[in-house]
Amino acid sequence: MVFSSPLFLFCYLPVVLILYYISPLKLRNFVLLVVNLIFYGWGEPLYIVLMVFTITLDYFAGLVVEHYKRKGNDLGARWAVAVALVLNLAILFFFKYWDLVASTLQHVGINMPALGLSLPIGISFYTFQTMTYPVDVYRGDAGVQKNLVSFSTFVTLFPQLIAGPIIKYKELADQMDQRDHTVERFASGVSVFVVGLAKKVLLANNLGQLWEVYLDTPVAQLTTAGAWLGVVAFSLQLYFDFSGYSDMAVGLGRMLGFEFLRNFDYPYISRSVTEFWRRWHISLGSWFREYVYIPLGGNRVSKGRLCFNLMVVWGLTGLWHGASWNFLIWGLYFGILLIAEKLFLKKWIDRWPRLLQHLYTLFLVVVSWAIFAVEDFTQLGGYLRAMFGMAQGGLVDSNAVYYLTSFLPILVIAAVAATPLAVKVWRGGEVRSFRVLRVALPVLLLVGLIFSTAYLVDASYNPFLYFRF
């Protein structure tokens, strides 16, 4: 079940909100746990067992760590953390990466059987959330949670269960036991949710149709203009798809009294690759920085070790996104760029005109999305060659002109919406005409909801790109 579906919008969500708010305060976490498991098990009931095992593992790991810390047995606490981490990572590897390793080894003559297991939805997200709980208890960053229902509710919380943002237990611990339920917070949640829904349905889905055209175009027929048009559409699609879903998660959280951290901060206005990754998928970057980069020594090391640390982090970041070698290449691509900026390039970039800084960043990021999106290496090589002027179909053809003309309005709207321009205009107008905008906001939200619903009812194209992660 996805947020951008009539089933969720008009059946599941209303029932959940009614059950939640008619329940006594002491039972609301339990109610949430039940509806969370129903949400997750809607398409894959078998994998609820896997999730329950992960929850149980990390819950008891936290208790064991706290027990040993209280007794002054640091070694025992470390062993408890290590065992929990190894088991969590083993589960993630088995379901997500076994077939990748098996197929790779088969190509070099080593017979490792591929299992063909379906990937549990959201396993990369919820594994990262739950496996760090014993770590935080060991560090003293979070208190141990002795209520199994509360901990299970945290892990399975449906607004962010399958696509993030990745929330650390310590960030939500206080809210698990006590949270505010106000009309203002609920209304704010509805507003953020509808905006996210519109971003996903009206922008991302339409842009995705343009990308699909060029993804399905044979390499021999690609033109340079078409290749760039396709990957620009994918760049915008991915942003509005994922940031829209993150907005919906934040909105749903507020409806239930939770406050999640934002996951995107207008990344396409960045003036360096370093800045881009401070603005894109913020929760993932924060997770890798805190649990991988800093433990490796961070940037308080020699230049050689700094390069090693960054390449490890970005190699893992790439593999986190998918069980395909193109994701590893994509991660290492960014690792190299970030190393270059940290060592010398950023000093030069800062002297450039702002427009040139933006163009530099957008160019490198858009190229990265081609590596990210095309998993077949033969097709990827042909697509990249086409982007850099070596297209077998030439520079431009009538199809590229047709699709550019047809999709130009949505491309322009998406490009503007990817910047804070509309928000700045709105806030400026809010100061000058508060009463008018107070009435206009509900109207605009209602229009967005109606158009999004109409699109969902009428259209068959409604993918969600991050489900595969």
Protein backbone atom coordinates (compact mmCIF):
# COMPACT_ATOMS: atom_id res chain seq x y z
CA MET A 1 0.00 0.00 0.00
CA VAL A 2 1.33 3.42 -0.93
CA PHE A 3 0.28 6.84 0.33
CA SER A 4 -0.55 7.99 -3.19
CA SER A 5 -3.39 5.51 -3.74
CA PRO A 6 -7.17 5.85 -3.34
CA LEU A 7 -7.15 2.81 -1.04
CA PHE A 8 -4.84 4.56 1.41
CA LEU A 9 -6.37 8.02 1.10
CA PHE A 10 -10.03 7.11 1.44
CA CYS A 11 -10.04 3.82 3.33
CA TYR A 12 -6.96 3.09 5.40
CA LEU A 13 -6.07 6.61 6.58
CA PRO A 14 -9.58 7.69 7.73
CA VAL A 15 -10.06 4.43 9.62
CA VAL A 16 -6.63 4.79 11.29
CA LEU A 17 -7.30 8.38 12.37
CA ILE A 18 -10.72 7.49 13.78
CA LEU A 19 -9.39 4.48 15.70
CA TYR A 20 -6.42 6.45 16.95
CA TYR A 21 -8.35 9.43 18.28
CA ILE A 22 -11.19 7.47 19.89
CA SER A 23 -8.67 5.32 21.76
CA PRO A 24 -7.53 6.23 25.28
CA LEU A 25 -4.10 7.88 25.41
CA LYS A 26 -2.52 4.83 27.06
CA LEU A 27 -3.66 2.56 24.22
CA ARG A 28 -2.71 4.74 21.26
CA ASN A 29 0.74 3.20 20.78
CA PHE A 30 -0.84 -0.25 20.75
CA VAL A 31 -3.45 0.88 18.21
CA LEU A 32 -0.69 2.34 16.08
CA LEU A 33 1.30 -0.90 16.29
CA VAL A 34 -1.66 -2.92 15.01
CA VAL A 35 -2.43 -0.59 12.09
CA ASN A 36 1.29 -0.32 11.31
CA LEU A 37 1.57 -4.09 10.90
CA ILE A 38 -1.57 -4.17 8.76
CA PHE A 39 -0.12 -1.44 6.56
CA TYR A 40 3.20 -3.27 6.13
CA GLY A 41 1.66 -6.69 5.68
CA TRP A 42 -0.92 -5.55 3.14
CA GLY A 43 1.24 -6.67 0.23
CA GLU A 44 3.76 -8.94 1.96
CA PRO A 45 2.25 -10.55 5.10
CA LEU A 46 5.04 -13.15 5.26
CA TYR A 47 7.70 -10.50 5.90
CA ILE A 48 5.92 -9.33 9.05
CA VAL A 49 7.68 -12.29 10.67
CA LEU A 50 11.05 -10.88 9.61
CA MET A 51 10.18 -7.47 10.99
CA VAL A 52 9.01 -8.94 14.30
CA PHE A 53 12.31 -10.83 14.57
CA THR A 54 14.29 -7.62 13.94
CA ILE A 55 12.23 -5.73 16.52
CA THR A 56 12.71 -8.48 19.12
CA LEU A 57 16.44 -8.72 18.41
CA ASP A 58 17.14 -5.01 18.89
CA TYR A 59 14.71 -4.58 21.78
CA PHE A 60 16.45 -7.26 23.83
CA ALA A 61 19.87 -6.08 22.64
CA GLY A 62 19.05 -2.69 24.18
CA LEU A 63 18.06 -4.34 27.47
CA VAL A 64 21.26 -6.41 27.54
CA VAL A 65 23.42 -3.37 26.76
CA GLU A 66 21.74 -1.38 29.52
CA HIS A 67 22.18 -4.29 31.96
CA TYR A 68 25.90 -4.60 31.28
CA LYS A 69 26.43 -0.82 31.38
CA ARG A 70 24.68 -0.62 34.73
CA LYS A 71 26.93 -3.41 36.05
CA GLY A 72 30.03 -1.63 34.74
CA ASN A 73 30.76 -4.43 32.25
CA ASP A 74 31.73 -2.42 29.17
CA LEU A 75 33.03 -5.48 27.31
CA GLY A 76 29.71 -7.29 27.71
CA ALA A 77 27.84 -4.22 26.45
CA ARG A 78 30.15 -3.99 23.44
CA TRP A 79 29.56 -7.65 22.62
CA ALA A 80 25.80 -7.17 22.81
CA VAL A 81 26.01 -4.24 20.39
CA ALA A 82 28.31 -6.18 18.04
CA VAL A 83 26.05 -9.24 17.94
CA ALA A 84 22.98 -7.11 17.21
CA LEU A 85 24.76 -5.22 14.43
CA VAL A 86 26.09 -8.40 12.80
CA LEU A 87 22.68 -10.08 12.83
CA ASN A 88 20.92 -6.99 11.44
CA LEU A 89 23.46 -6.61 8.66
CA ALA A 90 23.36 -10.34 7.91
CA ILE A 91 19.59 -10.17 7.41
CA LEU A 92 19.93 -7.11 5.18
CA PHE A 93 22.70 -8.77 3.15
CA PHE A 94 20.78 -12.01 2.73
CA PHE A 95 17.60 -10.45 1.40
CA LYS A 96 19.10 -7.55 -0.54
CA TYR A 97 22.58 -8.50 -1.73
CA TRP A 98 22.80 -12.29 -1.90
CA ASP A 99 21.69 -12.49 -5.52
CA LEU A 100 24.00 -9.63 -6.54
CA VAL A 101 27.03 -11.43 -5.09
CA ALA A 102 25.85 -14.78 -6.47
CA SER A 103 25.40 -13.50 -10.03
CA THR A 104 28.76 -11.72 -9.88
CA LEU A 105 30.59 -14.84 -8.71
CA GLN A 106 28.85 -16.95 -11.34
CA HIS A 107 30.38 -14.70 -14.01
CA VAL A 108 33.86 -15.63 -12.78
CA GLY A 109 33.11 -19.36 -12.58
CA ILE A 110 32.17 -19.70 -8.90
CA ASN A 111 28.88 -21.49 -8.46
CA MET A 112 26.91 -19.60 -5.82
CA PRO A 113 23.16 -20.13 -6.24
CA ALA A 114 20.89 -17.13 -6.72
CA LEU A 115 17.79 -17.42 -4.54
CA GLY A 116 15.46 -14.99 -6.31
CA LEU A 117 13.93 -13.74 -3.06
CA SER A 118 11.66 -10.72 -3.24
CA LEU A 119 13.03 -7.71 -1.41
CA PRO A 120 11.09 -6.91 1.78
CA ILE A 121 9.62 -3.45 1.33
CA GLY A 122 11.50 -0.75 3.21
CA ILE A 123 14.11 -3.14 4.68
CA SER A 124 16.95 -0.66 4.09
CA PHE A 125 15.04 2.04 5.97
CA TYR A 126 13.78 0.15 8.98
CA THR A 127 17.01 -1.85 9.41
CA PHE A 128 19.02 1.37 9.65
CA GLN A 129 16.52 2.79 12.14
CA THR A 130 16.40 -0.17 14.49
CA MET A 131 20.01 -1.41 14.38
CA THR A 132 21.36 1.83 15.83
CA TYR A 133 19.11 1.67 18.90
CA PRO A 134 21.54 -0.58 20.88
CA VAL A 135 24.39 1.69 19.75
CA ASP A 136 22.63 4.77 21.13
CA VAL A 137 21.86 2.98 24.39
CA TYR A 138 25.53 1.99 24.69
CA ARG A 139 26.70 5.55 24.01
CA GLY A 140 24.21 6.97 26.48
CA ASP A 141 22.50 8.97 23.74
CA ALA A 142 19.17 7.26 24.40
CA GLY A 143 17.59 5.63 27.41
CA VAL A 144 16.60 2.01 27.20
CA GLN A 145 12.96 1.43 26.18
CA LYS A 146 11.48 -1.24 28.42
CA ASN A 147 8.03 -1.13 26.87
CA LEU A 148 8.05 -3.57 23.95
CA VAL A 149 4.88 -2.07 22.47
CA SER A 150 6.40 1.43 22.40
CA PHE A 151 9.62 0.20 20.80
CA SER A 152 7.70 -1.89 18.24
CA THR A 153 5.55 1.12 17.40
CA PHE A 154 8.67 3.19 16.77
CA VAL A 155 10.11 0.62 14.35
CA THR A 156 6.85 -0.01 12.49
CA LEU A 157 5.49 3.55 12.45
CA PHE A 158 3.70 3.51 9.11
CA PRO A 159 4.25 7.15 8.02
CA GLN A 160 8.01 6.56 7.72
CA LEU A 161 8.23 2.77 7.70
CA ILE A 162 8.86 2.05 4.04
CA ALA A 163 10.53 5.20 2.73
CA GLY A 164 11.84 7.20 5.62
CA PRO A 165 12.96 9.68 6.63
CA ILE A 166 15.40 7.50 8.58
CA ILE A 167 14.65 8.37 12.19
CA LYS A 168 17.00 7.46 15.02
CA TYR A 169 15.33 6.19 18.18
CA LYS A 170 16.89 8.97 20.25
CA GLU A 171 15.15 11.54 18.02
CA LEU A 172 11.71 10.07 18.71
CA ALA A 173 12.13 8.54 22.17
CA ASP A 174 10.35 11.31 24.08
CA GLN A 175 7.51 11.40 21.55
CA MET A 176 6.88 7.68 21.93
CA ASP A 177 5.77 8.20 25.52
CA GLN A 178 4.23 11.67 25.25
CA ARG A 179 3.26 13.81 22.28
CA ASP A 180 1.01 16.77 21.63
CA HIS A 181 -2.28 16.39 19.79
CA THR A 182 -3.57 19.80 18.79
CA VAL A 183 -5.85 21.07 16.08
CA GLU A 184 -3.06 23.31 14.80
CA ARG A 185 -0.60 20.41 14.49
CA PHE A 186 -3.20 18.22 12.80
CA ALA A 187 -4.10 20.97 10.32
CA SER A 188 -0.42 21.56 9.60
CA GLY A 189 -0.01 17.84 8.99
CA VAL A 190 -2.87 17.83 6.50
CA SER A 191 -1.34 20.78 4.64
CA VAL A 192 2.11 19.19 4.40
CA PHE A 193 0.60 15.86 3.36
CA VAL A 194 -1.45 17.35 0.52
CA VAL A 195 1.54 19.33 -0.76
CA GLY A 196 3.60 16.12 -0.76
CA LEU A 197 0.80 14.23 -2.51
CA ALA A 198 0.60 16.88 -5.24
CA LYS A 199 4.39 16.81 -5.70
CA LYS A 200 4.31 13.03 -6.07
CA VAL A 201 1.19 12.64 -8.22
CA LEU A 202 1.01 15.78 -10.33
CA LEU A 203 4.72 16.42 -10.87
CA ALA A 204 6.75 13.23 -10.33
CA ASN A 205 4.34 10.90 -12.11
CA ASN A 206 4.08 13.11 -15.19
CA LEU A 207 7.83 13.66 -15.37
CA GLY A 208 8.32 9.92 -14.99
CA GLN A 209 6.39 9.28 -18.18
CA LEU A 210 8.90 11.40 -20.12
CA TRP A 211 11.83 9.56 -18.52
CA GLU A 212 10.28 6.19 -19.37
CA VAL A 213 10.23 7.18 -23.05
CA TYR A 214 14.00 7.66 -23.11
CA LEU A 215 14.81 4.80 -20.78
CA ASP A 216 13.02 2.48 -23.22
CA THR A 217 14.61 4.05 -26.30
CA PRO A 218 17.25 1.76 -27.85
CA VAL A 219 20.76 3.14 -27.55
CA ALA A 220 21.11 3.22 -31.34
CA GLN A 221 18.20 5.66 -31.56
CA LEU A 222 19.23 8.02 -28.73
CA THR A 223 20.11 11.59 -29.57
CA THR A 224 22.16 13.92 -27.39
CA ALA A 225 19.19 16.25 -26.87
CA GLY A 226 16.91 13.33 -26.07
CA ALA A 227 19.34 11.79 -23.59
CA TRP A 228 19.63 15.08 -21.69
CA LEU A 229 15.89 15.67 -21.83
CA GLY A 230 15.26 12.21 -20.40
CA VAL A 231 17.75 12.43 -17.54
CA VAL A 232 16.65 15.96 -16.60
CA ALA A 233 13.09 14.62 -16.38
CA PHE A 234 14.34 11.77 -14.18
CA SER A 235 16.27 14.19 -11.96
CA LEU A 236 13.10 16.14 -11.29
CA GLN A 237 10.96 13.01 -11.03
CA LEU A 238 13.23 11.48 -8.40
CA TYR A 239 13.26 14.67 -6.35
CA PHE A 240 9.49 15.18 -6.36
CA ASP A 241 8.83 11.46 -5.92
CA PHE A 242 11.01 11.06 -2.85
CA SER A 243 10.64 14.52 -1.32
CA GLY A 244 6.89 14.31 -1.91
CA TYR A 245 6.74 10.99 -0.10
CA SER A 246 8.88 12.43 2.71
CA ASP A 247 6.50 15.40 3.00
CA MET A 248 3.58 13.00 3.21
CA ALA A 249 5.40 11.12 5.98
CA VAL A 250 5.99 14.35 7.93
CA GLY A 251 2.35 15.34 7.45
CA LEU A 252 1.03 11.98 8.59
CA GLY A 253 3.34 12.11 11.59
CA ARG A 254 1.92 15.49 12.63
CA MET A 255 -1.63 14.16 12.29
CA LEU A 256 -0.64 11.53 14.86
CA GLY A 257 1.21 13.95 17.13
CA PHE A 258 4.77 13.21 15.96
CA GLU A 259 7.33 15.65 14.58
CA PHE A 260 9.81 14.23 12.05
CA LEU A 261 12.85 16.09 10.77
CA ARG A 262 12.69 17.33 7.18
CA ASN A 263 14.47 15.15 4.62
CA PHE A 264 15.05 17.63 1.77
CA ASP A 265 16.01 21.30 1.65
CA TYR A 266 15.82 22.41 -1.99
CA PRO A 267 18.93 20.47 -3.08
CA TYR A 268 18.87 21.70 -6.67
CA ILE A 269 19.72 25.26 -5.60
CA SER A 270 23.08 24.05 -4.25
CA ARG A 271 26.34 25.67 -5.37
CA SER A 272 28.59 22.66 -4.73
CA VAL A 273 28.28 18.90 -4.52
CA THR A 274 29.10 19.16 -0.82
CA GLU A 275 26.15 21.49 -0.30
CA PHE A 276 23.93 19.26 -2.43
CA TRP A 277 24.46 16.37 -0.03
CA ARG A 278 23.64 18.57 2.94
CA ARG A 279 20.27 19.21 1.33
CA TRP A 280 19.43 15.84 -0.31
CA HIS A 281 18.13 12.87 1.75
CA ILE A 282 19.27 14.60 4.92
CA SER A 283 18.38 11.71 7.23
CA LEU A 284 20.53 9.23 5.29
CA GLY A 285 23.51 11.58 5.23
CA SER A 286 23.12 12.18 8.96
CA TRP A 287 22.99 8.43 9.62
CA PHE A 288 26.17 7.65 7.68
CA ARG A 289 27.99 10.61 9.19
CA GLU A 290 27.14 9.61 12.77
CA TYR A 291 27.47 5.82 12.55
CA VAL A 292 30.14 5.29 9.87
CA TYR A 293 32.12 8.44 9.00
CA ILE A 294 32.80 9.72 12.53
CA PRO A 295 33.64 6.26 13.96
CA LEU A 296 36.17 5.87 11.10
CA GLY A 297 37.83 9.07 12.28
CA GLY A 298 35.85 11.64 10.31
CA ASN A 299 37.96 14.48 8.97
CA ARG A 300 40.34 14.66 11.95
CA VAL A 301 42.78 12.36 10.22
CA SER A 302 45.48 12.49 7.58
CA LYS A 303 44.49 13.34 4.02
CA GLY A 304 45.04 9.75 2.94
CA ARG A 305 42.81 8.41 5.68
CA LEU A 306 40.24 11.12 4.96
CA CYS A 307 40.02 9.94 1.35
CA PHE A 308 39.64 6.35 2.54
CA ASN A 309 36.89 7.30 4.99
CA LEU A 310 34.94 9.19 2.35
CA MET A 311 35.22 6.41 -0.22
CA VAL A 312 34.02 3.83 2.33
CA VAL A 313 31.06 6.00 3.29
CA TRP A 314 30.07 6.72 -0.29
CA GLY A 315 30.59 3.18 -1.46
CA LEU A 316 28.22 2.03 1.28
CA THR A 317 25.82 4.88 0.47
CA GLY A 318 25.68 3.71 -3.12
CA LEU A 319 25.08 0.07 -2.19
CA TRP A 320 22.41 1.09 0.31
CA HIS A 321 20.37 2.39 -2.60
CA GLY A 322 20.23 -0.90 -4.45
CA ALA A 323 21.68 -4.32 -5.14
CA SER A 324 23.30 -3.42 -8.44
CA TRP A 325 26.85 -2.39 -9.27
CA ASN A 326 25.72 0.84 -10.92
CA PHE A 327 24.71 2.07 -7.45
CA LEU A 328 28.21 1.38 -6.15
CA ILE A 329 29.67 3.31 -9.09
CA TRP A 330 27.21 6.14 -8.40
CA GLY A 331 28.30 6.28 -4.75
CA LEU A 332 32.00 6.22 -5.58
CA TYR A 333 31.42 8.92 -8.21
CA PHE A 334 30.16 11.22 -5.48
CA GLY A 335 32.92 10.10 -3.15
CA ILE A 336 35.54 11.24 -5.66
CA LEU A 337 33.77 14.57 -6.22
CA LEU A 338 33.47 15.23 -2.48
CA ILE A 339 37.13 14.37 -1.91
CA ALA A 340 38.13 16.76 -4.69
CA GLU A 341 36.01 19.54 -3.22
CA LYS A 342 37.29 18.95 0.31
CA LEU A 343 40.96 18.86 -0.70
CA PHE A 344 41.17 21.71 -3.22
CA LEU A 345 38.24 22.22 -5.59
CA LYS A 346 35.86 23.95 -3.17
CA LYS A 347 38.31 26.85 -2.73
CA TRP A 348 38.22 27.48 -6.48
CA ILE A 349 34.46 27.07 -6.76
CA ASP A 350 33.83 29.66 -4.08
CA ARG A 351 35.55 32.26 -6.29
CA TRP A 352 33.28 31.58 -9.28
CA PRO A 353 30.13 33.58 -10.07
CA ARG A 354 27.06 32.11 -8.36
CA LEU A 355 25.48 31.10 -11.67
CA LEU A 356 28.57 29.14 -12.64
CA GLN A 357 28.58 27.42 -9.24
CA HIS A 358 24.96 26.36 -9.76
CA LEU A 359 25.63 25.11 -13.30
CA TYR A 360 28.68 23.15 -12.15
CA THR A 361 26.66 21.43 -9.43
CA LEU A 362 23.61 20.72 -11.57
CA PHE A 363 25.72 19.30 -14.38
CA LEU A 364 27.52 16.82 -12.10
CA VAL A 365 24.33 15.85 -10.25
CA VAL A 366 22.32 15.28 -13.44
CA VAL A 367 25.12 13.10 -14.85
CA SER A 368 25.05 11.13 -11.59
CA TRP A 369 21.33 10.41 -12.01
CA ALA A 370 22.02 8.72 -15.34
CA ILE A 371 24.43 6.37 -13.55
CA PHE A 372 21.84 5.89 -10.81
CA ALA A 373 18.88 5.19 -13.08
CA VAL A 374 20.29 2.87 -15.75
CA GLU A 375 21.28 -0.47 -14.19
CA ASP A 376 22.29 -2.29 -17.38
CA PHE A 377 25.95 -1.45 -18.03
CA THR A 378 25.68 -1.71 -21.82
CA GLN A 379 22.72 0.65 -21.88
CA LEU A 380 24.39 2.94 -19.33
CA GLY A 381 27.52 3.26 -21.46
CA GLY A 382 25.46 4.12 -24.51
CA TYR A 383 23.35 6.61 -22.57
CA LEU A 384 26.38 8.43 -21.18
CA ARG A 385 28.01 8.55 -24.61
CA ALA A 386 24.82 10.05 -26.01
CA MET A 387 24.79 12.71 -23.28
CA PHE A 388 28.34 13.72 -24.17
CA GLY A 389 27.74 14.18 -27.89
CA MET A 390 28.46 10.65 -29.15
CA ALA A 391 24.85 9.64 -29.76
CA GLN A 392 24.25 7.21 -32.58
CA GLY A 393 21.04 9.08 -33.37
CA GLY A 394 22.79 12.43 -33.72
CA LEU A 395 22.38 15.64 -31.76
CA VAL A 396 18.62 16.07 -32.04
CA ASP A 397 15.64 14.56 -33.83
CA SER A 398 11.95 15.29 -34.28
CA ASN A 399 11.05 13.11 -31.28
CA ALA A 400 13.19 15.21 -28.95
CA VAL A 401 11.57 18.39 -30.26
CA TYR A 402 8.10 16.87 -29.86
CA TYR A 403 8.66 15.68 -26.29
CA LEU A 404 10.35 18.92 -25.26
CA THR A 405 7.41 20.91 -26.63
CA SER A 406 4.84 18.60 -25.04
CA PHE A 407 6.45 18.45 -21.61
CA LEU A 408 7.86 21.99 -21.47
CA PRO A 409 5.08 23.35 -19.17
CA ILE A 410 5.52 20.59 -16.58
CA LEU A 411 9.30 20.89 -16.79
CA VAL A 412 9.15 24.64 -16.15
CA ILE A 413 6.67 24.23 -13.28
CA ALA A 414 8.83 21.50 -11.73
CA ALA A 415 12.01 23.54 -12.10
CA VAL A 416 10.42 26.49 -10.30
CA ALA A 417 8.86 24.22 -7.64
CA ALA A 418 12.30 22.75 -6.92
CA THR A 419 13.38 26.17 -5.63
CA PRO A 420 12.13 28.15 -2.60
CA LEU A 421 10.76 30.88 -4.89
CA ALA A 422 7.09 29.99 -4.40
CA VAL A 423 7.51 29.78 -0.62
CA LYS A 424 9.22 33.18 -0.51
CA VAL A 425 6.48 34.76 -2.60
CA TRP A 426 3.82 33.16 -0.41
CA ARG A 427 5.45 34.30 2.83
CA GLY A 428 5.91 37.79 1.48
CA GLY A 429 2.25 37.92 0.52
CA GLU A 430 1.26 36.44 3.87
CA VAL A 431 2.74 39.43 5.64
CA ARG A 432 0.92 41.86 3.36
CA SER A 433 -2.44 40.08 3.08
CA PHE A 434 -2.87 37.60 5.89
CA ARG A 435 -6.66 37.36 5.68
CA VAL A 436 -6.78 36.64 1.96
CA LEU A 437 -4.10 33.99 2.14
CA ARG A 438 -5.68 32.38 5.17
CA VAL A 439 -8.72 31.71 3.00
CA ALA A 440 -6.70 30.90 -0.12
CA LEU A 441 -4.57 28.19 1.51
CA PRO A 442 -7.43 25.75 2.24
CA VAL A 443 -8.81 26.37 -1.25
CA LEU A 444 -5.46 25.63 -2.88
CA LEU A 445 -5.01 22.52 -0.77
CA LEU A 446 -8.49 21.30 -1.68
CA VAL A 447 -7.79 21.90 -5.37
CA GLY A 448 -4.50 20.00 -5.06
CA LEU A 449 -6.26 17.09 -3.37
CA ILE A 450 -9.03 16.99 -5.98
CA PHE A 451 -6.62 17.08 -8.92
CA SER A 452 -4.35 14.47 -7.33
CA THR A 453 -7.31 12.18 -6.67
CA ALA A 454 -8.61 12.62 -10.19
CA TYR A 455 -5.19 11.72 -11.56
CA LEU A 456 -4.94 8.62 -9.36
CA VAL A 457 -8.40 7.41 -10.35
CA ASP A 458 -7.79 7.95 -14.06
CA ALA A 459 -4.10 7.04 -14.46
CA SER A 460 -2.36 3.67 -14.36
CA TYR A 461 1.16 5.13 -13.98
CA ASN A 462 1.89 5.60 -10.28
CA PRO A 463 5.35 4.21 -9.44
CA PHE A 464 7.30 4.90 -6.28
CA LEU A 465 11.01 4.81 -6.98
CA TYR A 466 12.27 4.27 -3.43
CA PHE A 467 10.22 1.12 -2.80
CA ARG A 468 13.10 -0.91 -4.20
CA PHE A 469 15.39 0.34 -1.43
